[in-house]
Amino acid sequence: MDRPKILIAEDDQILLSMYQRKFMMEGFDVYQAINGSEAMKILENIVPDMIMLDIIMPIMDGKQVLQHVKENEKLKDIPVVMLTNVATLEVITETAKSGVVRYLAKSNNTPNDVVKIVKSILAEKDKKFFLY
């Protein structure tokens, strides 16, 4: 079986490296982007099994990336997880309506938690929205 592919878009280089190492140790092929524009360039060539986005990033934010992903026929069915510390009701509601399957607060979830949640999403048939 192929290794699951995940794209992680996160502008904090330390967090990005930490998540890259953690997901690689768990058997994932990891693609990383430090901003939304880089994420979109990667998505031109790779169709990952999962996309994990921060909201606040330079050049193009996570909400803009999400909008482009959901408007693209080849990408629209990829599960998207928001991993961020932006937790306003407005943003949570907006991203849920846009098709995010999980909204995770960085401060409330360890890297182990995030990997476990991503694995459970990939194993599920039903991708309903949950807030963690």
C-alpha atoms as a PDB file:
ATOM      1  CA  MET A   1       0.000   0.000   0.000  1.00  0.00           C
ATOM      2  CA  ASP A   2       1.200   3.500  -0.778  1.00  0.00           C
ATOM      3  CA  ARG A   3       2.253   5.780   2.027  1.00  0.00           C
ATOM      4  CA  PRO A   4      -0.383   8.437   2.742  1.00  0.00           C
ATOM      5  CA  LYS A   5       0.567  11.900   1.473  1.00  0.00           C
ATOM      6  CA  ILE A   6      -0.043  15.030   3.519  1.00  0.00           C
ATOM      7  CA  LEU A   7       0.538  18.659   2.619  1.00  0.00           C
ATOM      8  CA  ILE A   8       1.257  20.856   5.634  1.00  0.00           C
ATOM      9  CA  ALA A   9       1.058  24.627   5.141  1.00  0.00           C
ATOM     10  CA  GLU A  10       2.429  26.430   8.193  1.00  0.00           C
ATOM     11  CA  ASP A  11       4.457  29.654   8.326  1.00  0.00           C
ATOM     12  CA  ASP A  12       6.160  28.861  11.641  1.00  0.00           C
ATOM     13  CA  GLN A  13       9.264  26.966  10.485  1.00  0.00           C
ATOM     14  CA  ILE A  14       9.779  25.281  13.866  1.00  0.00           C
ATOM     15  CA  LEU A  15       6.202  23.927  13.939  1.00  0.00           C
ATOM     16  CA  LEU A  16       6.428  22.924  10.277  1.00  0.00           C
ATOM     17  CA  SER A  17       9.621  20.942  10.897  1.00  0.00           C
ATOM     18  CA  MET A  18       8.152  19.343  14.014  1.00  0.00           C
ATOM     19  CA  TYR A  19       5.015  18.203  12.175  1.00  0.00           C
ATOM     20  CA  GLN A  20       7.048  17.036   9.199  1.00  0.00           C
ATOM     21  CA  ARG A  21       9.208  14.815  11.426  1.00  0.00           C
ATOM     22  CA  LYS A  22       6.212  13.494  13.355  1.00  0.00           C
ATOM     23  CA  PHE A  23       4.218  12.579  10.248  1.00  0.00           C
ATOM     24  CA  MET A  24       7.267  11.032   8.546  1.00  0.00           C
ATOM     25  CA  MET A  25       7.878   8.885  11.640  1.00  0.00           C
ATOM     26  CA  GLU A  26       4.254   7.745  11.336  1.00  0.00           C
ATOM     27  CA  GLY A  27       4.734   6.616   7.724  1.00  0.00           C
ATOM     28  CA  PHE A  28       3.507   9.649   5.773  1.00  0.00           C
ATOM     29  CA  ASP A  29       5.054  11.316   2.761  1.00  0.00           C
ATOM     30  CA  VAL A  30       5.100  14.970   3.796  1.00  0.00           C
ATOM     31  CA  TYR A  31       4.984  18.005   1.544  1.00  0.00           C
ATOM     32  CA  GLN A  32       5.517  21.321   3.282  1.00  0.00           C
ATOM     33  CA  ALA A  33       4.773  24.930   2.448  1.00  0.00           C
ATOM     34  CA  ILE A  34       5.586  28.055   4.456  1.00  0.00           C
ATOM     35  CA  ASN A  35       2.748  30.042   2.902  1.00  0.00           C
ATOM     36  CA  GLY A  36      -0.426  29.545   0.919  1.00  0.00           C
ATOM     37  CA  SER A  37       1.191  30.375  -2.402  1.00  0.00           C
ATOM     38  CA  GLU A  38       3.744  27.590  -1.916  1.00  0.00           C
ATOM     39  CA  ALA A  39       0.927  25.222  -0.973  1.00  0.00           C
ATOM     40  CA  MET A  40      -0.897  26.012  -4.219  1.00  0.00           C
ATOM     41  CA  LYS A  41       2.291  25.400  -6.250  1.00  0.00           C
ATOM     42  CA  ILE A  42       2.709  21.994  -4.606  1.00  0.00           C
ATOM     43  CA  LEU A  43      -0.938  21.164  -5.326  1.00  0.00           C
ATOM     44  CA  GLU A  44      -0.334  21.756  -9.043  1.00  0.00           C
ATOM     45  CA  ASN A  45       1.808  18.589  -9.083  1.00  0.00           C
ATOM     46  CA  ILE A  46       0.711  16.516  -6.088  1.00  0.00           C
ATOM     47  CA  VAL A  47      -2.725  15.346  -4.984  1.00  0.00           C
ATOM     48  CA  PRO A  48      -2.261  14.539  -1.296  1.00  0.00           C
ATOM     49  CA  ASP A  49      -4.545  12.377   0.809  1.00  0.00           C
ATOM     50  CA  MET A  50      -4.848  15.199   3.373  1.00  0.00           C
ATOM     51  CA  ILE A  51      -4.174  18.936   3.587  1.00  0.00           C
ATOM     52  CA  MET A  52      -3.393  20.619   6.898  1.00  0.00           C
ATOM     53  CA  LEU A  53      -3.558  24.427   6.861  1.00  0.00           C
ATOM     54  CA  ASP A  54      -2.713  27.227   9.225  1.00  0.00           C
ATOM     55  CA  ILE A  55      -4.981  30.234   8.736  1.00  0.00           C
ATOM     56  CA  ILE A  56      -2.564  33.113   9.228  1.00  0.00           C
ATOM     57  CA  MET A  57       0.200  32.821   6.629  1.00  0.00           C
ATOM     58  CA  PRO A  58       1.932  35.339   4.384  1.00  0.00           C
ATOM     59  CA  ILE A  59       1.152  35.832   0.673  1.00  0.00           C
ATOM     60  CA  MET A  60      -1.983  33.659   0.736  1.00  0.00           C
ATOM     61  CA  ASP A  61      -3.739  32.643   3.955  1.00  0.00           C
ATOM     62  CA  GLY A  62      -5.275  29.279   4.787  1.00  0.00           C
ATOM     63  CA  LYS A  63      -8.833  30.423   4.034  1.00  0.00           C
ATOM     64  CA  GLN A  64      -7.761  31.461   0.522  1.00  0.00           C
ATOM     65  CA  VAL A  65      -6.011  28.124  -0.043  1.00  0.00           C
ATOM     66  CA  LEU A  66      -9.129  26.311   1.176  1.00  0.00           C
ATOM     67  CA  GLN A  67     -11.291  28.265  -1.259  1.00  0.00           C
ATOM     68  CA  HIS A  68      -9.000  27.399  -4.195  1.00  0.00           C
ATOM     69  CA  VAL A  69      -8.861  23.728  -3.172  1.00  0.00           C
ATOM     70  CA  LYS A  70     -12.648  23.413  -2.925  1.00  0.00           C
ATOM     71  CA  GLU A  71     -13.114  25.125  -6.319  1.00  0.00           C
ATOM     72  CA  ASN A  72     -10.672  22.754  -8.059  1.00  0.00           C
ATOM     73  CA  GLU A  73     -12.204  19.556  -9.467  1.00  0.00           C
ATOM     74  CA  LYS A  74      -9.123  17.401  -8.831  1.00  0.00           C
ATOM     75  CA  LEU A  75      -8.614  18.696  -5.274  1.00  0.00           C
ATOM     76  CA  LYS A  76     -12.089  19.391  -3.906  1.00  0.00           C
ATOM     77  CA  ASP A  77     -12.578  15.992  -2.236  1.00  0.00           C
ATOM     78  CA  ILE A  78      -9.303  16.061  -0.298  1.00  0.00           C
ATOM     79  CA  PRO A  79     -10.004  16.316   3.439  1.00  0.00           C
ATOM     80  CA  VAL A  80      -8.725  19.601   4.869  1.00  0.00           C
ATOM     81  CA  VAL A  81      -7.822  20.161   8.519  1.00  0.00           C
ATOM     82  CA  MET A  82      -7.324  23.657   9.892  1.00  0.00           C
ATOM     83  CA  LEU A  83      -4.563  23.662  12.524  1.00  0.00           C
ATOM     84  CA  THR A  84      -4.459  27.164  13.911  1.00  0.00           C
ATOM     85  CA  ASN A  85      -4.819  29.358  16.946  1.00  0.00           C
ATOM     86  CA  VAL A  86      -7.432  31.558  15.284  1.00  0.00           C
ATOM     87  CA  ALA A  87     -10.579  30.409  17.031  1.00  0.00           C
ATOM     88  CA  THR A  88     -13.229  33.038  16.445  1.00  0.00           C
ATOM     89  CA  LEU A  89     -16.731  31.745  15.886  1.00  0.00           C
ATOM     90  CA  GLU A  90     -16.863  33.600  12.563  1.00  0.00           C
ATOM     91  CA  VAL A  91     -13.742  31.895  11.187  1.00  0.00           C
ATOM     92  CA  ILE A  92     -14.706  28.466  12.524  1.00  0.00           C
ATOM     93  CA  THR A  93     -18.174  28.751  10.963  1.00  0.00           C
ATOM     94  CA  GLU A  94     -16.796  30.066   7.669  1.00  0.00           C
ATOM     95  CA  THR A  95     -14.261  27.263   7.292  1.00  0.00           C
ATOM     96  CA  ALA A  96     -16.773  24.592   8.329  1.00  0.00           C
ATOM     97  CA  LYS A  97     -19.149  25.805   5.610  1.00  0.00           C
ATOM     98  CA  SER A  98     -16.232  25.731   3.153  1.00  0.00           C
ATOM     99  CA  GLY A  99     -15.630  22.035   3.726  1.00  0.00           C
ATOM    100  CA  VAL A 100     -13.022  21.684   6.484  1.00  0.00           C
ATOM    101  CA  VAL A 101     -13.334  18.305   8.212  1.00  0.00           C
ATOM    102  CA  ARG A 102     -11.580  19.300  11.461  1.00  0.00           C
ATOM    103  CA  TYR A 103     -10.696  22.574  13.117  1.00  0.00           C
ATOM    104  CA  LEU A 104      -7.863  22.029  15.576  1.00  0.00           C
ATOM    105  CA  ALA A 105      -6.475  24.594  17.970  1.00  0.00           C
ATOM    106  CA  LYS A 106      -2.678  24.307  18.072  1.00  0.00           C
ATOM    107  CA  SER A 107      -2.683  25.124  21.756  1.00  0.00           C
ATOM    108  CA  ASN A 108      -5.129  22.303  22.571  1.00  0.00           C
ATOM    109  CA  ASN A 109      -3.537  19.487  20.559  1.00  0.00           C
ATOM    110  CA  THR A 110      -0.130  17.844  20.821  1.00  0.00           C
ATOM    111  CA  PRO A 111       1.595  16.594  17.665  1.00  0.00           C
ATOM    112  CA  ASN A 112       0.598  13.074  18.730  1.00  0.00           C
ATOM    113  CA  ASP A 113      -3.039  14.217  18.964  1.00  0.00           C
ATOM    114  CA  VAL A 114      -2.861  15.764  15.488  1.00  0.00           C
ATOM    115  CA  VAL A 115      -1.385  12.624  13.910  1.00  0.00           C
ATOM    116  CA  LYS A 116      -4.003  10.461  15.607  1.00  0.00           C
ATOM    117  CA  ILE A 117      -6.814  12.723  14.360  1.00  0.00           C
ATOM    118  CA  VAL A 118      -5.426  12.795  10.798  1.00  0.00           C
ATOM    119  CA  LYS A 119      -5.131   8.997  10.763  1.00  0.00           C
ATOM    120  CA  SER A 120      -8.718   8.663  12.004  1.00  0.00           C
ATOM    121  CA  ILE A 121      -9.977  11.017   9.284  1.00  0.00           C
ATOM    122  CA  LEU A 122      -8.165   9.061   6.581  1.00  0.00           C
ATOM    123  CA  ALA A 123      -9.664   5.816   7.937  1.00  0.00           C
ATOM    124  CA  GLU A 124     -13.220   7.200   8.058  1.00  0.00           C
ATOM    125  CA  LYS A 125     -15.777   7.080   5.305  1.00  0.00           C
ATOM    126  CA  ASP A 126     -17.793   9.920   6.844  1.00  0.00           C
ATOM    127  CA  LYS A 127     -15.932  13.230   6.933  1.00  0.00           C
ATOM    128  CA  LYS A 128     -18.231  15.365   9.061  1.00  0.00           C
ATOM    129  CA  PHE A 129     -16.942  18.559  10.637  1.00  0.00           C
ATOM    130  CA  PHE A 130     -15.609  18.446  14.183  1.00  0.00           C
ATOM    131  CA  LEU A 131     -14.074  21.144  16.343  1.00  0.00           C
ATOM    132  CA  TYR A 132     -11.209  20.233  18.701  1.00  0.00           C
END
